[in-house]
Amino acid sequence: MPLPTTATAPFCPSEVKGSIVIDAREPRWIKLKRFAGPGLLVAIGYMDPGNWATDIQAGSQFGYSLLWVVALSSLAAIFLQMLAARLGLVAGRDLAQASYDRYGRAGRLVQWITAEISIVACDIAEVLGCALAFKLLLGVPIAWGIALTAFDTMIVLGLQGKGFRQIEAIVFGLIGTMALCFVAQVAMAPPDWHAVAAGLVPGAPSHDRHEAIVLALGIVGATIMPHNLYLHSSVVQTRRVVGGKRGDVRDTLALVRLDTWVSLALAMCVNAAILILAGSVFHASGQTNVTDIEQAYRLITPMAGSAAAFLFGIALLASGQSSTLTGTIAGQVIMDGFLHARIPCYQRRLITRGLALVPALIGVLWLGDGAVGKLLVWSQVLLSLQLPFAMWPLIRSVSDPRLMNGNTLGRPAQVLSWGLFAVITATNLLLIVGLD
């Protein structure tokens, strides 16, 4: 008999740990069905408007030649998210809590500030993306669209008291909407699949090297979001497998690996589809200067039809709204872990959205609607710059035998982790010092 679930707990993750108990004796497909969810909450953050901006500009300017960055960034994200899940399941601590225990006051402060910056940067992208969707679908000015995004707090209010299963179902619906929209759009504008396959081979474009670095970092930041590492290490604790022959932790880790791979592989396909669509519609027709989402929408209409343009707008709105949910949960996890402060989720949403609205509105009013694309790309570059501050404590935590109760990373995984940290940090420094 399957064990009962208690997934009717409140919205915030700190209050629902251990909410779904899974019997290891159940058939594998039933276990996976009941376990699936944490990976989806993480994956939705990898399909937000910031990803759109970087992928569209990369596809327009460089065709499929940066597709390998999307693929490798997604694989790196899967690897890091599995580390975060391992920390949460084995140690019973999320990344914010583990960092609070490990570091002194100064270290905690730096990590908390950088984590909050990453959430605000991500929310700026969501504000701009949703505002742009409102403009494309309803015809309202960008500034008014930004004001309308303030009301998405009502969505979070409506979810108060809901269980994680309901939240995950909503997120799954939004992901499905985006995936179907892009499958349809790629079918309407089929690419050169041989060229797409060639784009998966690592290599640097022969022109605009510095711009390629900026876009590559934007793709990395948009794909491996720092605050998602905090999020996954917390929400994965809403699942627990019991009664397994290999031990509860090992059985749970086996399911989390599958959940993470499937969810983030879906996110990778959506991001790849955006870049491929931009490459096949714009770059292939000589439109190599499409640098923002609105420009892409306007050009898609005559090139791929009004139906494709409408699907583009709907998917953009879905991506911004879905990321709103996960950003709120991540902010709560970070505040709870670093500050030991717990506030209602709608208040947390108000704080984050308030901090994002001001720079987004100032940027649009000062630089004009045409600056939305650039603001989106640089918000994702900022995420990349914050990433090492989350990776360092994560790698140290999952490598600590005392914290992980003997379930630390093996030597090859540790080498891979620190190598990934070194590559991302070095690339960030390359951008900062302005080298080509």
Protein backbone atom coordinates (compact mmCIF):
# COMPACT_ATOMS: atom_id res chain seq x y z
CA MET A 1 0.00 0.00 0.00
CA PRO A 2 1.35 3.45 -0.82
CA LEU A 3 2.12 5.62 2.14
CA PRO A 4 0.00 8.74 2.57
CA THR A 5 1.24 12.12 1.53
CA THR A 6 0.96 15.30 3.50
CA ALA A 7 1.44 17.66 0.59
CA THR A 8 -1.23 20.08 1.78
CA ALA A 9 1.22 22.19 3.72
CA PRO A 10 1.66 25.93 3.21
CA PHE A 11 3.42 27.44 0.23
CA CYS A 12 6.81 28.19 1.82
CA PRO A 13 9.31 25.30 1.69
CA SER A 14 10.65 25.75 5.20
CA GLU A 15 7.24 24.58 6.45
CA VAL A 16 6.76 21.50 4.25
CA LYS A 17 9.98 19.51 4.55
CA GLY A 18 9.26 15.80 4.37
CA SER A 19 5.77 16.43 2.99
CA ILE A 20 5.72 13.47 0.57
CA VAL A 21 6.82 10.04 1.77
CA ILE A 22 7.41 7.41 -0.92
CA ASP A 23 7.49 3.67 -0.29
CA ALA A 24 10.56 2.10 -1.92
CA ARG A 25 8.54 -1.08 -2.54
CA GLU A 26 6.24 0.65 -5.02
CA PRO A 27 6.80 0.19 -8.78
CA ARG A 28 9.48 2.53 -10.14
CA TRP A 29 7.12 4.51 -12.37
CA ILE A 30 4.80 5.23 -9.42
CA LYS A 31 7.76 6.33 -7.29
CA LEU A 32 8.96 8.65 -10.02
CA LYS A 33 5.45 10.05 -10.52
CA ARG A 34 5.16 10.88 -6.84
CA PHE A 35 8.73 12.14 -6.58
CA ALA A 36 8.64 14.40 -9.66
CA GLY A 37 8.36 18.09 -8.87
CA PRO A 38 11.48 19.62 -7.29
CA GLY A 39 13.31 19.43 -10.62
CA LEU A 40 10.44 21.23 -12.35
CA LEU A 41 10.54 24.09 -9.84
CA VAL A 42 14.25 24.48 -10.56
CA ALA A 43 13.90 24.03 -14.33
CA ILE A 44 11.37 26.83 -14.73
CA GLY A 45 14.02 29.34 -13.68
CA TYR A 46 16.10 28.24 -16.67
CA MET A 47 13.40 29.31 -19.10
CA ASP A 48 12.77 32.88 -17.96
CA PRO A 49 12.85 36.02 -20.19
CA GLY A 50 16.56 36.44 -19.51
CA ASN A 51 17.24 33.15 -21.27
CA TRP A 52 15.11 34.36 -24.16
CA ALA A 53 17.12 37.55 -24.57
CA THR A 54 20.53 35.85 -24.56
CA ASP A 55 19.41 32.98 -26.82
CA ILE A 56 17.67 35.26 -29.34
CA GLN A 57 20.64 37.61 -29.65
CA ALA A 58 23.09 34.69 -29.83
CA GLY A 59 21.04 32.94 -32.52
CA SER A 60 20.57 36.10 -34.56
CA GLN A 61 24.17 37.30 -34.37
CA PHE A 62 26.06 34.01 -34.46
CA GLY A 63 23.56 31.52 -35.88
CA TYR A 64 23.95 28.11 -34.25
CA SER A 65 27.62 28.57 -33.32
CA LEU A 66 26.88 29.22 -29.61
CA LEU A 67 24.47 26.29 -29.29
CA TRP A 68 27.23 24.32 -27.59
CA VAL A 69 27.27 26.93 -24.80
CA VAL A 70 23.57 26.23 -24.16
CA ALA A 71 24.23 22.48 -24.12
CA LEU A 72 27.31 22.59 -21.85
CA SER A 73 25.74 25.17 -19.52
CA SER A 74 22.70 22.91 -19.16
CA LEU A 75 24.88 19.91 -18.38
CA ALA A 76 26.81 21.98 -15.83
CA ALA A 77 23.48 23.08 -14.32
CA ILE A 78 22.33 19.46 -14.03
CA PHE A 79 25.57 18.52 -12.29
CA LEU A 80 25.43 21.45 -9.84
CA GLN A 81 21.76 20.91 -9.11
CA MET A 82 22.48 17.28 -8.24
CA LEU A 83 25.12 18.53 -5.80
CA ALA A 84 22.55 20.87 -4.26
CA ALA A 85 20.01 18.04 -4.02
CA ARG A 86 22.63 15.76 -2.43
CA LEU A 87 23.33 18.41 0.21
CA GLY A 88 19.65 18.79 1.04
CA LEU A 89 18.88 15.07 1.19
CA VAL A 90 21.99 13.79 2.96
CA ALA A 91 22.75 16.65 5.35
CA GLY A 92 19.14 17.76 5.81
CA ARG A 93 20.34 21.35 5.33
CA ASP A 94 19.78 23.70 2.44
CA LEU A 95 22.72 25.67 1.05
CA ALA A 96 21.87 28.82 3.02
CA GLN A 97 21.70 26.89 6.30
CA ALA A 98 24.92 25.00 5.57
CA SER A 99 26.71 28.27 4.73
CA TYR A 100 25.39 29.88 7.91
CA ASP A 101 26.87 27.01 9.94
CA ARG A 102 30.20 27.02 8.09
CA TYR A 103 31.12 30.70 7.78
CA GLY A 104 31.48 33.64 10.12
CA ARG A 105 29.50 36.84 10.08
CA ALA A 106 31.41 38.42 7.16
CA GLY A 107 31.17 35.28 5.01
CA ARG A 108 27.46 34.95 5.68
CA LEU A 109 26.88 38.60 4.82
CA VAL A 110 28.71 38.36 1.49
CA GLN A 111 26.86 35.21 0.48
CA TRP A 112 23.47 36.60 1.53
CA ILE A 113 24.00 39.86 -0.37
CA THR A 114 25.19 38.11 -3.55
CA ALA A 115 22.28 35.65 -3.37
CA GLU A 116 19.79 38.50 -3.00
CA ILE A 117 21.42 40.36 -5.91
CA SER A 118 20.97 37.29 -8.09
CA ILE A 119 17.27 37.08 -7.18
CA VAL A 120 16.72 40.78 -7.92
CA ALA A 121 18.65 40.51 -11.21
CA CYS A 122 16.50 37.55 -12.20
CA ASP A 123 13.35 39.39 -11.20
CA ILE A 124 14.35 42.39 -13.31
CA ALA A 125 14.40 40.03 -16.29
CA GLU A 126 10.97 38.72 -15.31
CA VAL A 127 9.59 42.26 -14.96
CA LEU A 128 10.94 43.29 -18.36
CA GLY A 129 9.84 40.05 -20.01
CA CYS A 130 6.27 40.21 -18.69
CA ALA A 131 6.04 43.93 -19.50
CA LEU A 132 7.15 43.18 -23.02
CA ALA A 133 4.62 40.34 -23.29
CA PHE A 134 1.86 42.74 -22.21
CA LYS A 135 3.00 45.20 -24.86
CA LEU A 136 3.09 42.58 -27.61
CA LEU A 137 -0.24 40.97 -26.71
CA LEU A 138 -2.22 43.96 -25.40
CA GLY A 139 -0.48 46.94 -27.01
CA VAL A 140 0.30 48.75 -23.73
CA PRO A 141 3.54 50.78 -23.40
CA ILE A 142 6.51 49.08 -21.72
CA ALA A 143 6.35 51.43 -18.72
CA TRP A 144 2.70 50.53 -18.14
CA GLY A 145 3.55 46.87 -18.63
CA ILE A 146 6.15 47.16 -15.88
CA ALA A 147 3.53 48.68 -13.59
CA LEU A 148 1.17 45.78 -14.37
CA THR A 149 3.78 43.27 -13.22
CA ALA A 150 3.43 44.67 -9.70
CA PHE A 151 0.08 42.89 -9.51
CA ASP A 152 1.59 39.43 -9.90
CA THR A 153 1.89 39.50 -6.11
CA MET A 154 -1.80 38.61 -6.22
CA ILE A 155 -0.80 35.30 -7.80
CA VAL A 156 1.42 34.51 -4.82
CA LEU A 157 -1.36 35.58 -2.43
CA GLY A 158 -3.71 33.19 -4.20
CA LEU A 159 -1.25 30.35 -3.64
CA GLN A 160 -0.97 30.92 0.12
CA GLY A 161 -1.97 27.75 1.91
CA LYS A 162 -1.55 25.58 -1.16
CA GLY A 163 0.60 22.47 -1.06
CA PHE A 164 3.71 21.90 -3.13
CA ARG A 165 1.85 19.49 -5.39
CA GLN A 166 -0.50 22.28 -6.51
CA ILE A 167 2.40 24.67 -7.06
CA GLU A 168 4.29 22.05 -9.03
CA ALA A 169 1.21 21.31 -11.15
CA ILE A 170 0.89 25.00 -12.07
CA VAL A 171 4.58 25.19 -12.94
CA PHE A 172 4.32 22.03 -15.04
CA GLY A 173 1.42 23.59 -16.95
CA LEU A 174 3.44 26.72 -17.67
CA ILE A 175 6.46 24.69 -18.77
CA GLY A 176 4.23 22.64 -21.05
CA THR A 177 2.79 25.83 -22.55
CA MET A 178 6.27 27.12 -23.38
CA ALA A 179 7.49 23.81 -24.76
CA LEU A 180 4.47 23.39 -27.05
CA CYS A 181 4.75 26.98 -28.28
CA PHE A 182 8.37 26.53 -29.29
CA VAL A 183 7.88 23.10 -30.83
CA ALA A 184 5.17 24.65 -33.00
CA GLN A 185 7.34 27.65 -33.90
CA VAL A 186 10.35 25.51 -34.87
CA ALA A 187 8.00 23.39 -37.01
CA MET A 188 6.78 26.56 -38.75
CA ALA A 189 10.36 27.67 -39.47
CA PRO A 190 12.39 24.43 -39.82
CA PRO A 191 16.16 24.90 -39.41
CA ASP A 192 19.10 23.34 -41.22
CA TRP A 193 19.60 20.39 -38.88
CA HIS A 194 23.13 19.70 -40.19
CA ALA A 195 24.12 23.24 -39.20
CA VAL A 196 22.40 22.76 -35.84
CA ALA A 197 24.48 19.62 -35.20
CA ALA A 198 27.64 21.54 -36.13
CA GLY A 199 26.70 24.20 -33.57
CA LEU A 200 27.00 21.62 -30.80
CA VAL A 201 30.77 21.39 -31.45
CA PRO A 202 32.63 23.84 -29.15
CA GLY A 203 34.32 26.71 -30.92
CA ALA A 204 34.55 30.50 -30.92
CA PRO A 205 32.87 32.63 -33.61
CA SER A 206 35.27 34.23 -36.05
CA HIS A 207 33.89 37.73 -35.43
CA ASP A 208 32.86 39.91 -32.47
CA ARG A 209 34.75 37.81 -29.95
CA HIS A 210 34.02 40.15 -27.03
CA GLU A 211 30.30 40.19 -27.80
CA ALA A 212 30.37 36.40 -28.00
CA ILE A 213 31.95 36.25 -24.52
CA VAL A 214 29.25 38.55 -23.13
CA LEU A 215 26.49 36.43 -24.65
CA ALA A 216 28.14 33.18 -23.55
CA LEU A 217 28.32 34.48 -19.97
CA GLY A 218 24.73 35.64 -20.24
CA ILE A 219 23.72 32.12 -21.31
CA VAL A 220 25.73 30.62 -18.42
CA GLY A 221 24.16 33.00 -15.88
CA ALA A 222 20.67 32.45 -17.25
CA THR A 223 21.13 28.67 -17.20
CA ILE A 224 23.00 28.11 -13.91
CA MET A 225 21.14 30.58 -11.71
CA PRO A 226 22.86 30.98 -8.33
CA HIS A 227 19.67 31.20 -6.27
CA ASN A 228 18.35 27.99 -7.86
CA LEU A 229 21.10 26.10 -6.02
CA TYR A 230 19.65 27.37 -2.74
CA LEU A 231 16.15 26.55 -3.95
CA HIS A 232 16.82 22.95 -4.97
CA SER A 233 18.71 22.09 -1.79
CA SER A 234 15.58 23.09 0.13
CA VAL A 235 12.62 21.89 -1.95
CA VAL A 236 14.14 18.46 -2.54
CA GLN A 237 13.61 17.87 1.18
CA THR A 238 9.86 17.70 0.48
CA ARG A 239 10.49 14.14 -0.79
CA ARG A 240 11.64 11.10 1.15
CA VAL A 241 11.90 7.42 0.16
CA VAL A 242 11.60 4.87 2.97
CA GLY A 243 11.87 1.11 3.21
CA GLY A 244 14.55 0.62 0.54
CA LYS A 245 17.05 -2.21 0.62
CA ARG A 246 19.97 0.11 -0.24
CA GLY A 247 19.04 2.68 2.40
CA ASP A 248 16.62 5.58 2.32
CA VAL A 249 19.20 8.20 1.27
CA ARG A 250 20.58 6.20 -1.66
CA ASP A 251 17.11 5.35 -2.95
CA THR A 252 16.06 8.99 -2.69
CA LEU A 253 19.23 10.16 -4.46
CA ALA A 254 18.53 7.75 -7.33
CA LEU A 255 15.10 9.31 -7.84
CA VAL A 256 16.36 12.89 -7.52
CA ARG A 257 18.95 12.23 -10.22
CA LEU A 258 16.22 11.08 -12.59
CA ASP A 259 13.92 13.98 -11.67
CA THR A 260 16.72 16.49 -12.19
CA TRP A 261 17.91 15.03 -15.49
CA VAL A 262 14.43 14.88 -17.03
CA SER A 263 13.38 18.36 -15.84
CA LEU A 264 16.56 20.18 -16.80
CA ALA A 265 16.84 18.30 -20.10
CA LEU A 266 13.41 19.74 -20.92
CA ALA A 267 14.69 23.22 -20.00
CA MET A 268 17.74 22.66 -22.21
CA CYS A 269 15.51 21.71 -25.15
CA VAL A 270 13.41 24.87 -24.72
CA ASN A 271 16.50 27.10 -24.56
CA ALA A 272 18.04 25.35 -27.54
CA ALA A 273 14.75 25.79 -29.43
CA ILE A 274 14.83 29.55 -28.78
CA LEU A 275 18.37 29.86 -30.14
CA ILE A 276 17.62 27.54 -33.08
CA LEU A 277 14.47 29.53 -33.92
CA ALA A 278 16.47 32.78 -33.89
CA GLY A 279 19.17 31.21 -36.05
CA SER A 280 16.76 29.76 -38.61
CA VAL A 281 14.44 32.76 -38.83
CA PHE A 282 16.85 35.68 -38.42
CA HIS A 283 20.50 34.71 -38.97
CA ALA A 284 19.75 32.54 -42.01
CA SER A 285 17.88 35.43 -43.66
CA GLY A 286 20.63 37.99 -42.97
CA GLN A 287 18.95 39.56 -39.92
CA THR A 288 22.05 39.40 -37.72
CA ASN A 289 21.28 42.47 -35.59
CA VAL A 290 18.20 41.24 -33.70
CA THR A 291 19.16 42.19 -30.16
CA ASP A 292 15.87 42.21 -28.27
CA ILE A 293 12.71 40.19 -27.83
CA GLU A 294 10.34 42.81 -29.25
CA GLN A 295 12.38 43.08 -32.44
CA ALA A 296 12.27 39.29 -32.71
CA TYR A 297 8.48 39.31 -32.29
CA ARG A 298 8.03 41.94 -35.00
CA LEU A 299 10.22 40.04 -37.44
CA ILE A 300 8.70 36.62 -36.73
CA THR A 301 5.27 37.79 -37.98
CA PRO A 302 6.23 38.30 -41.66
CA MET A 303 8.80 35.48 -41.65
CA ALA A 304 6.93 32.72 -39.83
CA GLY A 305 3.36 33.96 -39.66
CA SER A 306 1.06 35.65 -37.15
CA ALA A 307 0.31 32.34 -35.40
CA ALA A 308 3.99 31.88 -34.57
CA ALA A 309 4.20 35.46 -33.29
CA PHE A 310 1.14 34.96 -31.07
CA LEU A 311 2.61 31.74 -29.63
CA PHE A 312 5.84 33.65 -29.04
CA GLY A 313 4.01 36.25 -26.93
CA ILE A 314 2.05 33.67 -24.92
CA ALA A 315 5.20 31.67 -24.16
CA LEU A 316 7.00 34.85 -23.06
CA LEU A 317 4.22 35.72 -20.61
CA ALA A 318 4.20 32.14 -19.26
CA SER A 319 7.96 32.20 -18.73
CA GLY A 320 7.87 35.41 -16.69
CA GLN A 321 4.95 34.38 -14.51
CA SER A 322 6.34 30.93 -13.76
CA SER A 323 9.72 32.30 -12.72
CA THR A 324 7.91 34.60 -10.30
CA LEU A 325 6.84 31.58 -8.25
CA THR A 326 10.28 29.99 -7.94
CA GLY A 327 11.99 33.33 -7.27
CA THR A 328 9.67 33.87 -4.31
CA ILE A 329 10.41 30.45 -2.83
CA ALA A 330 14.17 30.88 -3.34
CA GLY A 331 14.08 34.28 -1.63
CA GLN A 332 12.30 32.77 1.35
CA VAL A 333 14.88 29.97 1.60
CA ILE A 334 17.79 32.43 1.48
CA MET A 335 16.28 34.83 4.02
CA ASP A 336 15.38 31.99 6.38
CA GLY A 337 18.81 30.35 6.12
CA PHE A 338 21.05 33.39 6.39
CA LEU A 339 18.98 35.72 8.59
CA HIS A 340 16.77 33.23 10.44
CA ALA A 341 13.93 35.53 9.43
CA ARG A 342 10.66 34.11 8.18
CA ILE A 343 7.97 36.34 6.70
CA PRO A 344 4.83 35.55 4.69
CA CYS A 345 5.60 34.73 1.08
CA TYR A 346 3.52 37.61 -0.28
CA GLN A 347 5.64 40.04 1.77
CA ARG A 348 8.80 38.46 0.40
CA ARG A 349 7.33 38.83 -3.09
CA LEU A 350 6.57 42.50 -2.50
CA ILE A 351 10.14 43.17 -1.35
CA THR A 352 11.75 41.40 -4.33
CA ARG A 353 9.39 42.87 -6.90
CA GLY A 354 9.77 46.36 -5.40
CA LEU A 355 13.57 46.12 -5.68
CA ALA A 356 13.27 44.92 -9.30
CA LEU A 357 10.63 47.43 -10.45
CA VAL A 358 12.72 50.51 -9.67
CA PRO A 359 15.82 49.71 -11.81
CA ALA A 360 13.66 48.21 -14.58
CA LEU A 361 11.47 51.32 -14.76
CA ILE A 362 14.44 53.70 -14.53
CA GLY A 363 16.27 51.79 -17.27
CA VAL A 364 13.29 51.91 -19.65
CA LEU A 365 12.42 55.56 -18.95
CA TRP A 366 16.06 56.66 -19.24
CA LEU A 367 17.26 54.50 -22.13
CA GLY A 368 13.95 53.93 -23.93
CA ASP A 369 12.02 50.81 -24.90
CA GLY A 370 14.82 49.77 -27.24
CA ALA A 371 17.10 49.13 -24.26
CA VAL A 372 15.01 46.23 -22.95
CA GLY A 373 17.09 43.64 -24.80
CA LYS A 374 20.38 45.00 -23.49
CA LEU A 375 19.01 45.23 -19.94
CA LEU A 376 17.87 41.62 -20.13
CA VAL A 377 21.24 40.34 -21.36
CA TRP A 378 23.22 42.23 -18.73
CA SER A 379 20.90 41.06 -15.96
CA GLN A 380 21.92 37.52 -16.92
CA VAL A 381 25.61 38.43 -17.05
CA LEU A 382 25.18 39.72 -13.49
CA LEU A 383 23.87 36.28 -12.53
CA SER A 384 27.02 34.71 -13.94
CA LEU A 385 29.16 37.08 -11.88
CA GLN A 386 27.30 35.97 -8.71
CA LEU A 387 27.58 32.25 -9.50
CA PRO A 388 31.02 31.56 -7.93
CA PHE A 389 29.73 32.90 -4.58
CA ALA A 390 27.16 30.09 -4.53
CA MET A 391 29.35 27.39 -6.07
CA TRP A 392 32.22 27.73 -3.57
CA PRO A 393 30.16 26.97 -0.41
CA LEU A 394 28.16 24.28 -2.24
CA ILE A 395 31.26 22.35 -3.35
CA ARG A 396 32.88 22.70 0.08
CA SER A 397 29.71 21.52 1.82
CA VAL A 398 29.17 18.37 -0.27
CA SER A 399 32.88 17.53 0.12
CA ASP A 400 32.74 17.74 3.94
CA PRO A 401 32.65 14.20 5.47
CA ARG A 402 31.28 15.47 8.79
CA LEU A 403 28.37 17.26 7.18
CA MET A 404 27.61 14.57 4.59
CA ASN A 405 27.81 11.55 6.93
CA GLY A 406 30.12 9.61 4.63
CA ASN A 407 28.15 10.46 1.46
CA THR A 408 30.65 12.97 0.13
CA LEU A 409 31.55 13.40 -3.51
CA GLY A 410 34.05 11.03 -5.01
CA ARG A 411 37.42 12.37 -6.13
CA PRO A 412 36.49 12.62 -9.86
CA ALA A 413 33.32 14.58 -9.02
CA GLN A 414 35.29 16.94 -6.77
CA VAL A 415 37.83 17.56 -9.54
CA LEU A 416 35.01 18.25 -11.99
CA SER A 417 33.31 20.59 -9.51
CA TRP A 418 36.40 22.71 -8.88
CA GLY A 419 37.29 22.67 -12.58
CA LEU A 420 33.84 24.05 -13.40
CA PHE A 421 34.26 26.67 -10.70
CA ALA A 422 37.62 27.70 -12.17
CA VAL A 423 36.29 27.96 -15.74
CA ILE A 424 33.29 30.12 -14.77
CA THR A 425 35.36 32.35 -12.50
CA ALA A 426 38.08 32.80 -15.13
CA THR A 427 35.54 33.67 -17.81
CA ASN A 428 33.94 36.23 -15.50
CA LEU A 429 37.35 37.78 -14.86
CA LEU A 430 38.00 37.81 -18.60
CA LEU A 431 34.89 39.92 -19.08
CA ILE A 432 35.68 42.22 -16.15
CA VAL A 433 39.20 43.07 -17.39
CA GLY A 434 37.84 43.56 -20.91
CA LEU A 435 40.06 41.08 -22.75
CA ASP A 436 38.97 39.71 -26.16
